[in-house]
N, C-alpha and C. Protein backbone atom coordinates (compact mmCIF):
# COMPACT_ATOMS: atom_id res chain seq x y z
N MET A 1 -13.61 -17.81 -6.53
CA MET A 1 -12.68 -19.24 -5.56
C MET A 1 -11.86 -17.57 -5.28
N PRO A 2 -11.36 -17.56 -3.58
CA PRO A 2 -10.46 -16.48 -3.20
C PRO A 2 -9.24 -17.03 -3.81
N LEU A 3 -8.23 -15.88 -4.28
CA LEU A 3 -6.77 -16.69 -4.39
C LEU A 3 -6.10 -17.03 -2.90
N ASP A 4 -5.57 -18.16 -3.35
CA ASP A 4 -5.06 -18.60 -2.33
C ASP A 4 -3.59 -17.87 -1.83
N VAL A 5 -3.17 -17.34 -0.55
CA VAL A 5 -1.85 -16.70 0.02
C VAL A 5 -1.49 -16.89 0.67
N PRO A 6 -0.21 -17.39 0.97
CA PRO A 6 0.31 -18.20 1.95
C PRO A 6 0.55 -16.54 2.92
N VAL A 7 0.48 -16.72 4.39
CA VAL A 7 0.94 -15.73 5.43
C VAL A 7 1.98 -16.42 6.20
N VAL A 8 3.01 -16.01 6.71
CA VAL A 8 3.52 -16.39 7.62
C VAL A 8 3.21 -15.16 9.06
N ALA A 9 3.27 -15.61 9.97
CA ALA A 9 2.62 -14.53 11.28
C ALA A 9 3.69 -14.59 11.53
N LEU A 10 4.16 -13.03 11.48
CA LEU A 10 5.92 -13.09 12.59
C LEU A 10 5.18 -12.57 13.96
N ASP A 11 4.23 -12.14 14.18
CA ASP A 11 3.83 -11.83 15.29
C ASP A 11 2.51 -12.88 15.46
N PRO A 12 2.44 -13.68 15.97
CA PRO A 12 0.88 -14.65 16.01
C PRO A 12 0.12 -13.64 16.93
N ASP A 13 0.48 -12.87 17.85
CA ASP A 13 -0.95 -12.25 18.42
C ASP A 13 -1.64 -11.37 17.53
N LEU A 14 -0.94 -10.74 16.12
CA LEU A 14 -1.48 -9.76 15.80
C LEU A 14 -2.38 -11.05 14.48
N PRO A 15 -3.42 -10.07 14.11
CA PRO A 15 -4.76 -11.22 13.07
C PRO A 15 -3.97 -10.57 11.78
N LEU A 16 -3.86 -11.72 10.89
CA LEU A 16 -3.83 -12.02 9.45
C LEU A 16 -4.29 -10.83 9.22
N PRO A 17 -3.95 -10.24 7.57
CA PRO A 17 -4.50 -9.53 6.59
C PRO A 17 -6.25 -9.62 6.52
N SER A 18 -7.25 -9.06 6.76
CA SER A 18 -8.64 -9.29 7.04
C SER A 18 -9.70 -8.23 5.90
N TYR A 19 -10.52 -8.88 5.29
CA TYR A 19 -11.04 -8.19 5.07
C TYR A 19 -12.57 -7.35 5.44
N ALA A 20 -12.93 -5.97 5.74
CA ALA A 20 -13.99 -5.81 7.07
C ALA A 20 -15.18 -5.95 6.61
N THR A 21 -15.60 -6.26 5.05
CA THR A 21 -17.24 -6.66 5.07
C THR A 21 -17.06 -7.32 3.41
N ALA A 22 -17.80 -7.95 3.49
CA ALA A 22 -17.96 -8.64 2.46
C ALA A 22 -17.64 -7.61 0.91
N GLY A 23 -17.05 -8.36 -0.17
CA GLY A 23 -16.63 -7.36 -1.19
C GLY A 23 -15.76 -6.24 -1.03
N ASP A 24 -14.97 -6.08 -0.04
CA ASP A 24 -13.95 -5.20 -0.03
C ASP A 24 -12.99 -5.46 -1.06
N ALA A 25 -12.20 -4.45 -1.46
CA ALA A 25 -10.94 -4.65 -2.35
C ALA A 25 -9.20 -4.89 -1.26
N GLY A 26 -9.65 -4.29 -0.01
CA GLY A 26 -8.48 -3.68 0.79
C GLY A 26 -8.76 -5.11 1.75
N ALA A 27 -7.74 -5.56 2.08
CA ALA A 27 -7.53 -5.84 3.46
C ALA A 27 -6.66 -5.20 4.39
N ASP A 28 -7.21 -5.22 5.67
CA ASP A 28 -6.58 -4.03 6.72
C ASP A 28 -5.47 -4.86 7.13
N LEU A 29 -4.49 -3.87 6.90
CA LEU A 29 -2.93 -4.36 7.55
C LEU A 29 -2.89 -3.43 8.71
N VAL A 30 -1.82 -4.47 10.03
CA VAL A 30 -1.65 -3.78 11.47
C VAL A 30 -0.39 -3.02 11.80
N ALA A 31 -0.32 -2.56 12.67
CA ALA A 31 0.77 -2.53 13.24
C ALA A 31 1.65 -3.05 14.11
N ARG A 32 3.01 -3.58 13.79
CA ARG A 32 3.26 -4.47 14.86
C ARG A 32 3.73 -3.60 16.22
N GLU A 33 4.29 -2.60 15.79
CA GLU A 33 4.72 -1.61 16.61
C GLU A 33 4.51 0.07 16.42
N GLY A 34 4.84 0.10 17.93
CA GLY A 34 4.01 1.94 18.03
C GLY A 34 4.92 2.69 17.19
N VAL A 35 4.83 3.96 17.00
CA VAL A 35 5.28 4.77 16.37
C VAL A 35 4.60 5.86 17.17
N VAL A 36 5.36 6.96 16.92
CA VAL A 36 4.74 8.65 16.90
C VAL A 36 5.56 9.23 15.76
N LEU A 37 4.47 9.32 14.87
CA LEU A 37 5.10 10.46 13.52
C LEU A 37 4.54 11.80 14.19
N LYS A 38 5.65 12.69 13.87
CA LYS A 38 5.67 13.87 14.34
C LYS A 38 5.46 14.62 13.24
N ALA A 39 4.60 15.96 13.86
CA ALA A 39 3.62 16.80 13.02
C ALA A 39 4.57 17.51 11.76
N ALA A 40 4.00 17.95 10.71
CA ALA A 40 4.46 18.35 9.46
C ALA A 40 5.56 17.34 8.81
N GLY A 41 5.44 16.56 8.95
CA GLY A 41 6.05 15.38 7.99
C GLY A 41 6.76 13.95 8.73
N GLY A 42 6.99 13.82 9.85
CA GLY A 42 7.50 13.26 10.18
C GLY A 42 6.80 11.86 9.86
N ARG A 43 7.60 11.03 9.39
CA ARG A 43 7.45 9.65 8.72
C ARG A 43 8.37 8.45 9.66
N ALA A 44 7.42 6.88 9.08
CA ALA A 44 8.56 5.53 9.69
C ALA A 44 8.29 4.58 9.01
N ALA A 45 8.76 3.71 8.92
CA ALA A 45 8.06 2.18 7.70
C ALA A 45 7.82 1.44 9.16
N VAL A 46 6.70 1.35 9.00
CA VAL A 46 6.12 0.63 10.17
C VAL A 46 5.90 -1.18 9.91
N PRO A 47 6.20 -2.06 10.60
CA PRO A 47 6.38 -3.17 10.32
C PRO A 47 4.74 -3.70 10.51
N THR A 48 4.62 -4.78 9.68
CA THR A 48 2.92 -5.65 10.05
C THR A 48 2.83 -6.33 10.61
N GLY A 49 4.04 -7.27 10.82
CA GLY A 49 4.06 -8.84 11.42
C GLY A 49 3.46 -10.24 10.40
N ILE A 50 3.39 -10.03 8.93
CA ILE A 50 3.10 -10.89 8.11
C ILE A 50 4.74 -10.43 6.70
N ALA A 51 4.63 -11.92 6.83
CA ALA A 51 5.35 -12.10 5.41
C ALA A 51 4.24 -12.48 4.55
N LEU A 52 4.50 -12.66 3.09
CA LEU A 52 3.13 -13.31 2.26
C LEU A 52 3.93 -13.97 1.19
N ALA A 53 3.39 -14.81 0.64
CA ALA A 53 3.75 -15.46 -0.88
C ALA A 53 2.76 -15.24 -1.89
N LEU A 54 3.04 -14.39 -2.53
CA LEU A 54 2.17 -14.07 -3.95
C LEU A 54 2.36 -14.84 -4.82
N PRO A 55 1.20 -15.45 -5.43
CA PRO A 55 1.64 -16.68 -6.74
C PRO A 55 2.32 -15.39 -8.22
N GLU A 56 2.66 -15.90 -8.57
CA GLU A 56 3.65 -15.17 -9.88
C GLU A 56 2.24 -14.75 -10.77
N GLY A 57 2.30 -13.63 -11.14
CA GLY A 57 1.27 -12.70 -11.74
C GLY A 57 0.45 -12.12 -10.71
N TYR A 58 1.27 -11.87 -9.96
CA TYR A 58 0.01 -10.63 -8.96
C TYR A 58 0.93 -10.26 -8.48
N GLY A 59 0.52 -8.70 -8.02
CA GLY A 59 1.29 -7.92 -6.95
C GLY A 59 0.50 -7.73 -5.97
N GLY A 60 1.16 -7.23 -4.86
CA GLY A 60 0.29 -6.36 -3.80
C GLY A 60 0.40 -5.45 -3.73
N PHE A 61 -0.61 -4.34 -3.40
CA PHE A 61 -0.44 -2.86 -3.74
C PHE A 61 -1.34 -1.86 -2.26
N VAL A 62 -0.06 -1.85 -1.56
CA VAL A 62 0.02 -1.46 -0.20
C VAL A 62 -0.93 0.19 -0.30
N GLN A 63 -2.33 0.57 0.27
CA GLN A 63 -3.08 1.56 -0.19
C GLN A 63 -2.77 2.09 1.31
N PRO A 64 -3.31 3.88 1.29
CA PRO A 64 -3.23 4.19 2.80
C PRO A 64 -4.82 3.72 2.89
N ARG A 65 -5.37 4.11 4.26
CA ARG A 65 -6.55 4.03 4.52
C ARG A 65 -7.03 5.72 4.86
N SER A 66 -8.42 5.57 4.39
CA SER A 66 -8.61 6.96 4.09
C SER A 66 -9.14 7.47 4.94
N GLY A 67 -10.08 6.81 6.28
CA GLY A 67 -9.47 7.01 7.39
C GLY A 67 -8.85 8.52 8.06
N LEU A 68 -7.37 7.63 8.23
CA LEU A 68 -6.43 7.87 8.69
C LEU A 68 -5.97 9.20 8.17
N ALA A 69 -6.01 9.29 6.87
CA ALA A 69 -5.69 10.41 5.99
C ALA A 69 -6.66 11.90 6.13
N ARG A 70 -8.41 11.38 6.29
CA ARG A 70 -9.11 12.43 6.86
C ARG A 70 -9.16 13.01 7.73
N LYS A 71 -9.15 12.06 9.17
CA LYS A 71 -8.85 12.46 10.02
C LYS A 71 -8.08 13.44 10.87
N HIS A 72 -7.40 12.70 10.31
CA HIS A 72 -5.41 12.95 10.99
C HIS A 72 -4.11 13.09 10.16
N GLY A 73 -4.66 13.55 8.78
CA GLY A 73 -3.54 13.65 7.97
C GLY A 73 -2.33 12.54 7.81
N VAL A 74 -3.10 11.25 7.94
CA VAL A 74 -1.59 10.27 7.87
C VAL A 74 -1.96 9.54 6.51
N THR A 75 -1.09 9.05 5.75
CA THR A 75 -1.08 8.59 4.19
C THR A 75 0.38 8.05 4.60
N MET A 76 0.33 7.43 3.37
CA MET A 76 1.45 6.34 2.85
C MET A 76 2.79 7.44 1.95
N VAL A 77 3.89 7.48 2.07
CA VAL A 77 4.66 8.17 1.13
C VAL A 77 4.84 7.78 0.06
N ASN A 78 4.40 6.68 -0.05
CA ASN A 78 4.88 5.84 -1.88
C ASN A 78 3.98 5.07 -1.77
N ALA A 79 2.60 5.68 -1.95
CA ALA A 79 1.55 5.11 -2.59
C ALA A 79 1.27 5.07 -3.98
N PRO A 80 0.99 4.04 -4.42
CA PRO A 80 0.94 2.63 -3.65
C PRO A 80 1.79 2.10 -3.54
N GLY A 81 2.45 1.34 -2.01
CA GLY A 81 3.40 0.43 -2.06
C GLY A 81 3.19 -0.91 -2.68
N LEU A 82 4.32 -1.58 -3.45
CA LEU A 82 4.28 -2.58 -4.31
C LEU A 82 5.07 -4.10 -3.34
N ILE A 83 4.23 -5.15 -3.57
CA ILE A 83 4.78 -6.07 -2.67
C ILE A 83 5.20 -6.63 -4.19
N ASP A 84 6.31 -7.27 -4.60
CA ASP A 84 6.30 -8.46 -5.71
C ASP A 84 6.15 -9.58 -5.72
N SER A 85 5.71 -10.55 -6.44
CA SER A 85 5.38 -11.97 -6.10
C SER A 85 6.57 -12.87 -5.50
N GLY A 86 8.24 -12.29 -5.72
CA GLY A 86 8.93 -13.00 -5.45
C GLY A 86 9.88 -12.29 -3.82
N TYR A 87 8.80 -11.67 -3.31
CA TYR A 87 9.42 -10.92 -1.94
C TYR A 87 8.72 -11.49 -1.03
N ARG A 88 9.71 -12.12 -0.14
CA ARG A 88 9.14 -12.82 1.42
C ARG A 88 9.50 -12.02 2.58
N GLY A 89 9.93 -11.17 2.45
CA GLY A 89 10.11 -10.17 3.81
C GLY A 89 9.04 -9.87 4.83
N GLU A 90 9.36 -9.30 5.76
CA GLU A 90 7.69 -8.66 6.09
C GLU A 90 7.83 -7.44 5.50
N VAL A 91 6.46 -7.14 5.55
CA VAL A 91 5.68 -6.05 4.79
C VAL A 91 5.45 -4.92 5.98
N ASN A 92 6.46 -3.98 5.22
CA ASN A 92 6.29 -2.64 5.88
C ASN A 92 5.19 -1.81 5.21
N VAL A 93 5.19 -0.55 6.03
CA VAL A 93 4.45 0.64 5.47
C VAL A 93 4.87 1.70 6.14
N VAL A 94 5.30 2.44 5.23
CA VAL A 94 6.23 3.74 4.89
C VAL A 94 4.60 4.70 5.31
N LEU A 95 4.50 4.96 6.23
CA LEU A 95 3.82 6.15 6.66
C LEU A 95 4.38 7.75 7.25
N VAL A 96 3.56 8.73 6.80
CA VAL A 96 3.71 9.75 7.02
C VAL A 96 2.76 11.00 7.32
N ASN A 97 3.18 11.68 8.59
CA ASN A 97 1.89 12.78 9.34
C ASN A 97 2.18 13.98 8.59
N LEU A 98 1.08 14.42 7.74
CA LEU A 98 0.83 15.65 7.07
C LEU A 98 0.24 16.58 8.07
N ASP A 99 -0.17 16.29 8.85
CA ASP A 99 -0.84 17.36 9.86
C ASP A 99 0.23 18.15 10.27
N PRO A 100 0.04 20.09 9.77
CA PRO A 100 0.47 21.00 10.38
C PRO A 100 1.22 20.77 11.99
N SER A 101 0.38 20.33 12.37
CA SER A 101 0.61 20.41 14.45
C SER A 101 0.25 19.56 15.17
N GLU A 102 -0.41 18.47 15.02
CA GLU A 102 -0.54 17.67 15.59
C GLU A 102 0.36 16.07 15.31
N ASP A 103 0.97 15.81 16.64
CA ASP A 103 1.64 14.17 16.16
C ASP A 103 0.84 13.33 16.29
N TYR A 104 0.82 12.24 15.40
CA TYR A 104 0.13 11.03 15.31
C TYR A 104 0.57 9.73 16.15
N GLU A 105 -0.13 9.26 17.25
CA GLU A 105 0.85 8.17 17.82
C GLU A 105 -0.12 6.78 16.89
N VAL A 106 0.75 5.91 15.97
CA VAL A 106 0.16 4.76 16.08
C VAL A 106 0.63 3.79 17.01
N ARG A 107 -0.49 3.00 17.35
CA ARG A 107 -0.57 2.09 18.24
C ARG A 107 -0.12 0.77 17.83
N ARG A 108 0.65 -0.31 18.52
CA ARG A 108 0.51 -1.54 18.26
C ARG A 108 -1.02 -2.27 17.66
N GLY A 109 -0.92 -3.17 16.98
CA GLY A 109 -2.68 -3.38 16.50
C GLY A 109 -3.61 -2.58 15.71
N ASP A 110 -3.12 -1.33 15.37
CA ASP A 110 -3.88 -0.47 14.69
C ASP A 110 -4.06 -0.52 13.52
N ARG A 111 -5.05 -0.82 12.86
CA ARG A 111 -4.83 -0.37 11.23
C ARG A 111 -4.50 0.62 10.87
N ILE A 112 -3.47 -0.14 9.64
CA ILE A 112 -2.63 1.20 9.05
C ILE A 112 -2.71 1.35 7.73
N ALA A 113 -3.18 0.57 7.12
CA ALA A 113 -3.06 0.19 5.57
C ALA A 113 -4.15 -0.65 4.92
N GLN A 114 -4.18 -0.78 3.36
CA GLN A 114 -4.86 -2.01 3.21
C GLN A 114 -4.04 -2.52 1.81
N LEU A 115 -4.10 -4.00 1.88
CA LEU A 115 -3.53 -4.56 0.55
C LEU A 115 -4.72 -4.90 -0.16
N VAL A 116 -4.12 -4.54 -1.60
CA VAL A 116 -5.00 -4.68 -2.36
C VAL A 116 -4.36 -5.74 -3.70
N ILE A 117 -4.92 -7.13 -3.87
CA ILE A 117 -4.12 -7.99 -4.70
C ILE A 117 -4.48 -7.82 -6.11
N GLN A 118 -3.97 -7.79 -7.02
CA GLN A 118 -4.01 -7.60 -8.40
C GLN A 118 -3.69 -8.74 -9.18
N ARG A 119 -3.69 -9.10 -9.87
CA ARG A 119 -3.07 -9.42 -11.19
C ARG A 119 -2.24 -8.21 -12.10
N VAL A 120 -0.95 -8.78 -12.32
CA VAL A 120 -0.35 -8.17 -13.12
C VAL A 120 0.27 -8.51 -14.18
N GLU A 121 0.67 -8.29 -15.50
CA GLU A 121 1.48 -8.18 -16.52
C GLU A 121 2.75 -8.02 -16.76
N GLN A 122 3.73 -8.43 -17.16
CA GLN A 122 5.08 -8.22 -17.28
C GLN A 122 4.76 -7.81 -18.90
N ALA A 123 5.55 -7.00 -19.69
CA ALA A 123 6.01 -6.50 -20.61
C ALA A 123 7.16 -7.00 -21.56
N ASP A 124 7.10 -6.72 -22.40
CA ASP A 124 8.11 -6.89 -23.67
C ASP A 124 8.42 -5.57 -23.87
N PHE A 125 9.09 -4.85 -23.63
CA PHE A 125 9.42 -3.20 -24.18
C PHE A 125 10.55 -3.19 -25.66
N ARG A 126 9.92 -3.20 -26.29
CA ARG A 126 10.49 -3.15 -27.55
C ARG A 126 10.65 -1.59 -27.96
N LEU A 127 11.99 -1.48 -28.88
CA LEU A 127 12.46 -0.34 -29.21
C LEU A 127 12.12 -0.15 -30.58
N VAL A 128 11.70 1.46 -30.61
CA VAL A 128 10.86 1.90 -32.19
C VAL A 128 11.24 3.12 -32.14
N ASP A 129 11.23 4.01 -33.50
CA ASP A 129 11.60 5.25 -34.10
C ASP A 129 10.57 5.46 -33.68
N GLU A 130 9.15 5.83 -33.71
CA GLU A 130 8.06 6.74 -33.47
C GLU A 130 7.54 5.63 -32.95
N LEU A 131 6.43 6.61 -32.06
CA LEU A 131 5.20 5.71 -31.52
C LEU A 131 3.90 6.29 -32.12
N PRO A 132 3.37 5.08 -32.16
CA PRO A 132 1.49 5.54 -32.81
C PRO A 132 1.11 6.17 -32.61
N ALA A 133 0.35 7.49 -33.21
CA ALA A 133 -0.25 8.33 -32.73
C ALA A 133 -1.59 7.80 -31.99
N SER A 134 -1.97 8.90 -31.40
CA SER A 134 -3.30 8.91 -30.65
C SER A 134 -4.17 10.16 -30.40
N GLU A 135 -5.13 10.02 -29.73
CA GLU A 135 -5.88 11.49 -29.88
C GLU A 135 -5.62 12.38 -28.56
N ARG A 136 -4.82 11.48 -27.58
CA ARG A 136 -4.29 12.51 -26.56
C ARG A 136 -2.83 12.98 -26.65
N GLY A 137 -2.15 12.13 -27.60
CA GLY A 137 -1.14 12.84 -28.04
C GLY A 137 0.19 12.76 -26.75
N ALA A 138 0.97 13.73 -26.85
CA ALA A 138 2.43 13.98 -25.78
C ALA A 138 1.48 14.92 -24.63
N GLY A 139 0.23 14.97 -24.75
CA GLY A 139 -0.33 16.36 -23.65
C GLY A 139 -0.31 15.23 -22.44
N GLY A 140 -0.15 16.19 -21.34
CA GLY A 140 -0.27 15.30 -19.98
C GLY A 140 -0.02 16.79 -18.71
N PHE A 141 0.06 15.98 -17.55
CA PHE A 141 -0.53 17.10 -16.26
C PHE A 141 -1.62 18.14 -16.73
N GLY A 142 -2.67 17.29 -16.20
CA GLY A 142 -3.55 18.01 -16.61
C GLY A 142 -3.88 19.01 -17.91
N HIS A 143 -3.94 18.69 -18.93
CA HIS A 143 -3.60 19.62 -19.99
C HIS A 143 -4.85 19.41 -20.82
N THR A 144 -5.76 18.56 -20.16
CA THR A 144 -7.16 18.48 -20.91
C THR A 144 -8.67 19.72 -20.44
N GLY A 145 -7.81 20.03 -19.10
CA GLY A 145 -8.94 20.91 -18.45
C GLY A 145 -8.59 21.10 -16.79
N ARG A 146 -9.08 21.65 -16.24
CA ARG A 146 -9.08 22.22 -14.54
C ARG A 146 -9.15 20.86 -14.10
């Protein structure tokens, strides 16, 4: 049974988030406004025309679109973007153009990101003097190989 997520269409001419095919994890988000992302790092917060109410215990994770990244070098500055269950404002996507020489034009209605909704847990953080041992230990940043 799909999760019920109330959505307000802040721009009724744009589609609600939708899955391109059955079984997809990410629902497409579209741009409410056009913007030109300048080459070599131009970025902008692009509104999506929706606000939503995620149920408590869930988070929305906004992910880049792989086609935009591969074809144009356009991705997200803060991937994944996090939507907390208590947030009720418009969903915005912070895009960046990593192409070294070509500007990229986002047009109104373009698919710009994907929204993945996942169950999340809250933790009780407990102060201790020492952490339990593990096989990995404190190794990080690629310490296990290339």
